[in-house]
Amino acid sequence: MDDKKKKLQGCYVTIPTPFDDTPDMAVNESALRRYVRFLIDSGLNADYATLLAGGAAGDFSTMTFEERLFVAEVVVDEANGAVPIAMGAQTTSTLELVRLAKAASQIGTDFIQVSCPFYFAHTEADFEDYVRAAAEAAPDVGIILYNTFWTSQNLSFPMIERLAEIPNLVGLKWAAPRTDAMEFEDVCSHFSDRFTIIDNNLLFGMSAMPALGATAFEVHHCNFWPEWGIKLIDEVRAGNYPEIARMLVEEGMPFYKLWVEIEQTYTSGDGYLDKLCMELIGLPSSRCRPPTRDIRQTHKEQTHAMMSKIGVPRLIGLS
């Protein structure tokens, strides 16, 4: 599985799922294909990225099982081998996870992304059985373990040690609460040889250093500014950590501050700000499925101003 680990290095890009502006909000296949083509044509090839189909920003929680497979099939088909593909496989059911893993193998995705089941507070032993079931169902598919501690179980160091025994578990999408115990740094520094670490805590300037060893980075900016992600990976490979920190503070932080503001004052979910930013560079637009509300009119001017401030290319005028 070393080839899978290497494939996963670079930007980890969650592609939003576009929907039709109709009451049933069907998946908009042509818009989804345009999203994938935009990313690849802008330089996010196998040297720089892995694309995630049907992750949180891809509205997995509001799609049926069949829709999730359809989205993955479209992304795999449009990418046509130009870039590795992961499929979101978060679910509350081990039986459904096994079905998702087997489907990912048939579709031809390189990876599935797995998180702790949500709603119930499952034990770590429950989660270990859950991950092992997926690994056994599709041994040819690389598993990315995502620590979504804010929705359910926070994975402990001993739990990751046990899961490291699974041969096709190749990626650790790591986020951790910020405490004096330095959980983020502890896991990265100990497991970066075993897994490709995907930094999901926006600590890129530190996590990319050799002491921690992260080689992949969750980058929402890539959906509307692929060149930003390409530059990030170039700076990581050059060891230019001061520039990485500057990029995050000056160009990354305004996006995330606006995201948090929207989440605290208007609506919640994931992917809604990505989609609005994509609209503002001329890509097809879509709201997220409810209960996430449509932000396109309420926050368009504020988002446009943020994008202008940080220097996003291809920004179109407001109509």
Protein backbone atom coordinates (compact mmCIF):
# COMPACT_ATOMS: atom_id res chain seq x y z
CA MET A 1 0.00 0.00 0.00
CA ASP A 2 3.01 2.34 -0.14
CA ASP A 3 1.91 3.50 -3.58
CA LYS A 4 -1.47 4.48 -2.15
CA LYS A 5 0.20 6.45 0.63
CA LYS A 6 2.32 8.36 -1.87
CA LYS A 7 -0.69 9.02 -4.12
CA LEU A 8 -2.45 10.73 -1.23
CA GLN A 9 0.22 13.39 -0.75
CA GLY A 10 -0.67 16.97 -1.76
CA CYS A 11 -3.91 18.93 -1.55
CA TYR A 12 -6.95 17.00 -0.35
CA VAL A 13 -9.84 18.66 -2.18
CA THR A 14 -13.46 18.06 -1.23
CA ILE A 15 -15.51 18.69 -4.37
CA PRO A 16 -18.91 20.26 -3.63
CA THR A 17 -21.89 18.46 -5.15
CA PRO A 18 -23.99 20.78 -7.34
CA PHE A 19 -27.75 20.36 -7.46
CA ASP A 20 -30.47 21.50 -9.83
CA ASP A 21 -32.45 24.58 -8.78
CA THR A 22 -35.66 22.54 -8.74
CA PRO A 23 -37.77 21.25 -5.83
CA ASP A 24 -36.20 17.78 -5.91
CA MET A 25 -32.66 19.21 -6.12
CA ALA A 26 -31.28 16.38 -8.26
CA VAL A 27 -27.52 16.06 -8.68
CA ASN A 28 -26.41 18.31 -11.56
CA GLU A 29 -24.10 16.00 -13.48
CA SER A 30 -22.95 18.54 -16.06
CA ALA A 31 -22.00 21.07 -13.36
CA LEU A 32 -20.16 18.38 -11.39
CA ARG A 33 -18.18 17.42 -14.47
CA ARG A 34 -17.34 21.07 -15.02
CA TYR A 35 -16.06 21.34 -11.44
CA VAL A 36 -13.74 18.34 -11.92
CA ARG A 37 -12.51 19.60 -15.28
CA PHE A 38 -11.81 23.05 -13.83
CA LEU A 39 -9.65 21.59 -11.06
CA ILE A 40 -7.65 19.35 -13.38
CA ASP A 41 -7.27 21.92 -16.15
CA SER A 42 -6.02 24.41 -13.55
CA GLY A 43 -3.13 22.12 -12.63
CA LEU A 44 -4.44 19.91 -9.82
CA ASN A 45 -3.07 16.70 -11.27
CA ALA A 46 -1.72 13.59 -9.56
CA ASP A 47 1.41 15.48 -8.47
CA TYR A 48 -0.62 17.96 -6.46
CA ALA A 49 -3.99 16.62 -5.33
CA THR A 50 -6.49 13.96 -4.42
CA LEU A 51 -10.14 14.75 -5.10
CA LEU A 52 -12.79 13.69 -2.58
CA ALA A 53 -16.22 12.91 -4.05
CA GLY A 54 -19.19 13.07 -1.70
CA GLY A 55 -17.44 14.24 1.45
CA ALA A 56 -18.97 16.66 3.94
CA ALA A 57 -18.60 19.63 1.58
CA GLY A 58 -20.08 17.32 -1.05
CA ASP A 59 -23.38 17.00 0.88
CA PHE A 60 -23.00 13.30 1.63
CA SER A 61 -25.36 13.63 4.60
CA THR A 62 -28.28 14.74 2.39
CA MET A 63 -27.80 12.23 -0.44
CA THR A 64 -29.15 8.74 -0.87
CA PHE A 65 -26.83 5.75 -1.13
CA GLU A 66 -27.41 5.63 -4.88
CA GLU A 67 -26.67 9.34 -5.29
CA ARG A 68 -23.40 8.97 -3.41
CA LEU A 69 -22.30 6.22 -5.77
CA PHE A 70 -23.42 8.26 -8.78
CA VAL A 71 -21.37 11.27 -7.69
CA ALA A 72 -18.28 9.09 -7.24
CA GLU A 73 -18.82 7.45 -10.64
CA VAL A 74 -19.08 10.84 -12.37
CA VAL A 75 -15.93 12.18 -10.68
CA VAL A 76 -13.94 9.04 -11.53
CA ASP A 77 -15.15 9.13 -15.11
CA GLU A 78 -14.43 12.83 -15.65
CA ALA A 79 -11.01 12.66 -13.98
CA ASN A 80 -10.12 9.69 -16.20
CA GLY A 81 -7.05 8.77 -14.19
CA ALA A 82 -5.55 12.28 -14.11
CA VAL A 83 -5.78 12.52 -10.33
CA PRO A 84 -6.44 10.09 -7.45
CA ILE A 85 -10.04 9.92 -6.20
CA ALA A 86 -11.42 9.29 -2.73
CA MET A 87 -15.07 8.58 -2.00
CA GLY A 88 -16.78 9.77 1.17
CA ALA A 89 -17.93 6.75 3.16
CA GLN A 90 -19.18 8.29 6.39
CA THR A 91 -22.26 6.52 7.70
CA THR A 92 -23.94 5.42 10.93
CA SER A 93 -24.16 1.78 9.81
CA THR A 94 -21.41 -0.83 9.52
CA LEU A 95 -23.50 -2.71 6.96
CA GLU A 96 -23.77 0.40 4.79
CA LEU A 97 -20.06 1.10 5.22
CA VAL A 98 -19.29 -2.36 3.86
CA ARG A 99 -21.56 -1.66 0.87
CA LEU A 100 -19.83 1.68 0.28
CA ALA A 101 -16.39 0.08 0.46
CA LYS A 102 -17.32 -2.64 -2.03
CA ALA A 103 -18.90 -0.06 -4.33
CA ALA A 104 -15.75 2.09 -4.18
CA SER A 105 -13.73 -0.89 -5.35
CA GLN A 106 -16.10 -1.50 -8.25
CA ILE A 107 -16.22 2.18 -9.24
CA GLY A 108 -12.43 2.42 -9.16
CA THR A 109 -11.80 5.02 -6.48
CA ASP A 110 -8.38 4.86 -4.86
CA PHE A 111 -9.61 5.60 -1.35
CA ILE A 112 -12.62 5.83 0.93
CA GLN A 113 -12.87 8.32 3.78
CA VAL A 114 -14.17 6.84 7.04
CA SER A 115 -15.17 8.61 10.25
CA CYS A 116 -16.62 7.47 13.56
CA PRO A 117 -20.37 6.84 13.32
CA PHE A 118 -22.30 9.83 14.54
CA TYR A 119 -25.44 10.31 16.70
CA PHE A 120 -24.58 7.54 19.17
CA ALA A 121 -21.45 7.85 21.32
CA HIS A 122 -19.85 4.61 20.16
CA THR A 123 -16.85 3.21 22.01
CA GLU A 124 -13.43 2.96 20.40
CA ALA A 125 -13.80 -0.82 20.25
CA ASP A 126 -17.04 -0.35 18.29
CA PHE A 127 -15.18 1.88 15.87
CA GLU A 128 -12.30 -0.57 15.52
CA ASP A 129 -14.72 -3.30 14.39
CA TYR A 130 -16.36 -0.79 12.04
CA VAL A 131 -13.07 0.12 10.30
CA ARG A 132 -11.89 -3.48 10.12
CA ALA A 133 -15.14 -4.47 8.42
CA ALA A 134 -14.57 -1.88 5.70
CA ALA A 135 -10.94 -2.90 5.26
CA GLU A 136 -11.87 -6.56 4.86
CA ALA A 137 -14.70 -5.75 2.43
CA ALA A 138 -12.40 -3.91 -0.01
CA PRO A 139 -8.73 -4.77 0.63
CA ASP A 140 -7.69 -3.08 -2.65
CA VAL A 141 -9.08 0.30 -1.55
CA GLY A 142 -7.00 2.61 0.63
CA ILE A 143 -8.79 3.76 3.78
CA ILE A 144 -8.47 7.33 5.04
CA LEU A 145 -9.35 7.62 8.71
CA TYR A 146 -10.91 11.00 9.56
CA ASN A 147 -11.02 12.04 13.21
CA THR A 148 -14.28 14.00 13.35
CA PHE A 149 -14.08 14.51 17.10
CA TRP A 150 -16.73 17.26 17.02
CA THR A 151 -19.48 14.82 15.97
CA SER A 152 -18.68 11.71 18.00
CA GLN A 153 -15.69 9.82 19.39
CA ASN A 154 -12.28 11.50 19.62
CA LEU A 155 -9.72 8.87 18.67
CA SER A 156 -7.03 8.20 21.24
CA PHE A 157 -3.38 7.49 20.57
CA PRO A 158 -3.76 3.79 21.57
CA MET A 159 -6.73 3.48 19.20
CA ILE A 160 -4.65 4.73 16.28
CA GLU A 161 -1.90 2.29 17.26
CA ARG A 162 -4.37 -0.59 16.99
CA LEU A 163 -5.84 0.64 13.70
CA ALA A 164 -2.31 0.98 12.27
CA GLU A 165 -2.27 -2.82 12.08
CA ILE A 166 -4.76 -2.66 9.18
CA PRO A 167 -2.70 -2.96 5.96
CA ASN A 168 -4.94 -0.89 3.68
CA LEU A 169 -5.44 1.94 6.18
CA VAL A 170 -3.11 4.42 4.48
CA GLY A 171 -4.25 7.93 5.41
CA LEU A 172 -5.00 9.79 8.62
CA LYS A 173 -7.02 12.95 8.12
CA TRP A 174 -6.09 14.41 11.43
CA ALA A 175 -7.81 17.03 13.51
CA ALA A 176 -7.67 17.20 17.29
CA PRO A 177 -8.88 19.51 20.06
CA ARG A 178 -6.31 22.14 21.03
CA THR A 179 -5.16 21.30 24.55
CA ASP A 180 -1.89 21.37 26.49
CA ALA A 181 -1.50 17.66 25.74
CA MET A 182 -0.68 18.58 22.11
CA GLU A 183 -2.74 15.72 20.66
CA PHE A 184 -2.34 16.99 17.10
CA GLU A 185 1.44 17.14 17.29
CA ASP A 186 1.70 13.86 19.21
CA VAL A 187 -0.14 11.82 16.59
CA CYS A 188 1.49 13.50 13.59
CA SER A 189 5.02 13.05 14.92
CA HIS A 190 4.49 9.41 15.83
CA PHE A 191 2.49 8.18 12.84
CA SER A 192 3.72 10.15 9.83
CA ASP A 193 5.92 7.22 8.78
CA ARG A 194 2.97 4.83 8.93
CA PHE A 195 0.26 7.02 7.35
CA THR A 196 0.01 9.92 4.99
CA ILE A 197 -1.07 12.61 7.43
CA ILE A 198 -3.70 15.02 6.05
CA ASP A 199 -3.68 18.19 8.17
CA ASN A 200 -7.30 19.14 8.87
CA ASN A 201 -6.40 21.63 11.62
CA LEU A 202 -5.02 24.38 9.34
CA LEU A 203 -1.59 24.16 10.96
CA PHE A 204 0.17 23.72 7.64
CA GLY A 205 3.22 25.84 8.42
CA MET A 206 3.97 23.64 11.43
CA SER A 207 2.57 20.25 10.39
CA ALA A 208 4.59 20.20 7.16
CA MET A 209 7.86 20.44 9.08
CA PRO A 210 9.90 17.21 9.23
CA ALA A 211 9.29 16.87 12.97
CA LEU A 212 5.56 16.35 12.34
CA GLY A 213 5.67 15.06 8.78
CA ALA A 214 2.29 15.94 7.30
CA THR A 215 2.39 15.60 3.51
CA ALA A 216 -1.25 16.28 2.64
CA PHE A 217 -3.50 19.22 3.47
CA GLU A 218 -7.27 19.80 3.46
CA VAL A 219 -7.59 22.83 1.14
CA HIS A 220 -11.02 24.38 0.48
CA HIS A 221 -9.36 27.20 -1.48
CA CYS A 222 -8.62 24.78 -4.32
CA ASN A 223 -12.28 24.70 -5.34
CA PHE A 224 -12.15 28.34 -6.45
CA TRP A 225 -8.39 29.04 -6.51
CA PRO A 226 -6.50 25.87 -7.53
CA GLU A 227 -3.27 27.80 -8.00
CA TRP A 228 -3.25 28.56 -4.27
CA GLY A 229 -3.11 24.86 -3.50
CA ILE A 230 -0.40 24.26 -6.08
CA LYS A 231 1.70 27.03 -4.56
CA LEU A 232 1.11 25.57 -1.09
CA ILE A 233 2.48 22.18 -2.12
CA ASP A 234 5.44 23.77 -3.90
CA GLU A 235 6.28 25.71 -0.72
CA VAL A 236 5.90 22.58 1.41
CA ARG A 237 8.30 20.70 -0.84
CA ALA A 238 10.73 23.61 -0.71
CA GLY A 239 10.50 23.76 3.09
CA ASN A 240 9.45 27.42 2.96
CA TYR A 241 7.48 27.39 6.21
CA PRO A 242 7.38 31.18 6.76
CA GLU A 243 5.67 31.60 3.36
CA ILE A 244 3.19 28.84 4.17
CA ALA A 245 2.31 30.64 7.41
CA ARG A 246 1.90 33.93 5.53
CA MET A 247 -0.41 32.28 2.99
CA LEU A 248 -2.62 30.93 5.74
CA VAL A 249 -2.82 34.21 7.66
CA GLU A 250 -3.24 36.61 4.74
CA GLU A 251 -5.16 34.49 2.21
CA GLY A 252 -6.58 31.58 4.18
CA MET A 253 -7.82 33.18 7.36
CA PRO A 254 -10.32 35.62 5.78
CA PHE A 255 -12.14 32.70 4.09
CA TYR A 256 -12.34 30.67 7.30
CA LYS A 257 -13.38 33.66 9.42
CA LEU A 258 -16.27 34.30 7.03
CA TRP A 259 -17.20 30.60 7.13
CA VAL A 260 -17.35 30.68 10.93
CA GLU A 261 -19.39 33.89 10.90
CA ILE A 262 -21.96 32.37 8.55
CA GLU A 263 -22.12 29.19 10.61
CA GLN A 264 -22.67 31.10 13.84
CA THR A 265 -25.18 33.66 12.57
CA TYR A 266 -27.04 32.23 9.57
CA THR A 267 -26.76 28.54 8.65
CA SER A 268 -24.61 25.49 9.14
CA GLY A 269 -23.34 22.54 7.14
CA ASP A 270 -20.35 22.43 4.81
CA GLY A 271 -19.55 23.44 1.26
CA TYR A 272 -21.88 26.42 1.02
CA LEU A 273 -19.07 29.00 1.04
CA ASP A 274 -17.01 26.97 -1.45
CA LYS A 275 -19.98 26.96 -3.82
CA LEU A 276 -20.57 30.69 -3.54
CA CYS A 277 -16.88 31.37 -4.18
CA MET A 278 -17.06 29.08 -7.21
CA GLU A 279 -20.06 31.03 -8.53
CA LEU A 280 -18.07 34.24 -8.17
CA ILE A 281 -15.38 32.96 -10.54
CA GLY A 282 -17.98 31.96 -13.14
CA LEU A 283 -18.58 28.29 -12.36
CA PRO A 284 -22.12 26.87 -12.13
CA SER A 285 -23.73 27.59 -8.80
CA SER A 286 -25.86 25.61 -6.40
CA ARG A 287 -27.11 25.83 -2.87
CA CYS A 288 -26.55 22.96 -0.47
CA ARG A 289 -29.53 20.81 0.26
CA PRO A 290 -31.62 21.81 3.28
CA PRO A 291 -31.58 22.07 6.22
CA THR A 292 -28.54 24.17 5.18
CA ARG A 293 -30.05 27.39 3.85
CA ASP A 294 -29.06 29.16 0.64
CA ILE A 295 -26.41 31.84 1.30
CA ARG A 296 -25.99 33.05 -2.27
CA GLN A 297 -27.99 36.26 -1.94
CA THR A 298 -27.48 37.02 1.74
CA HIS A 299 -23.68 36.74 1.63
CA LYS A 300 -22.71 37.36 -1.98
CA GLU A 301 -21.37 40.91 -1.53
CA GLN A 302 -19.44 40.01 1.62
CA THR A 303 -17.92 36.95 -0.06
CA HIS A 304 -17.00 38.92 -3.17
CA ALA A 305 -15.23 41.52 -1.01
CA MET A 306 -13.33 38.80 0.84
CA MET A 307 -12.21 37.18 -2.41
CA SER A 308 -11.11 40.53 -3.84
CA LYS A 309 -9.13 41.30 -0.68
CA ILE A 310 -7.15 38.05 -0.77
CA GLY A 311 -6.48 38.26 -4.51
CA VAL A 312 -8.53 35.40 -5.97
CA PRO A 313 -8.05 35.30 -9.78
CA ARG A 314 -10.93 35.09 -12.28
CA LEU A 315 -13.22 37.03 -9.91
CA ILE A 316 -16.25 38.30 -11.82
CA GLY A 317 -18.26 41.43 -11.12
CA LEU A 318 -21.45 41.48 -9.08
CA SER A 319 -24.63 41.70 -11.13
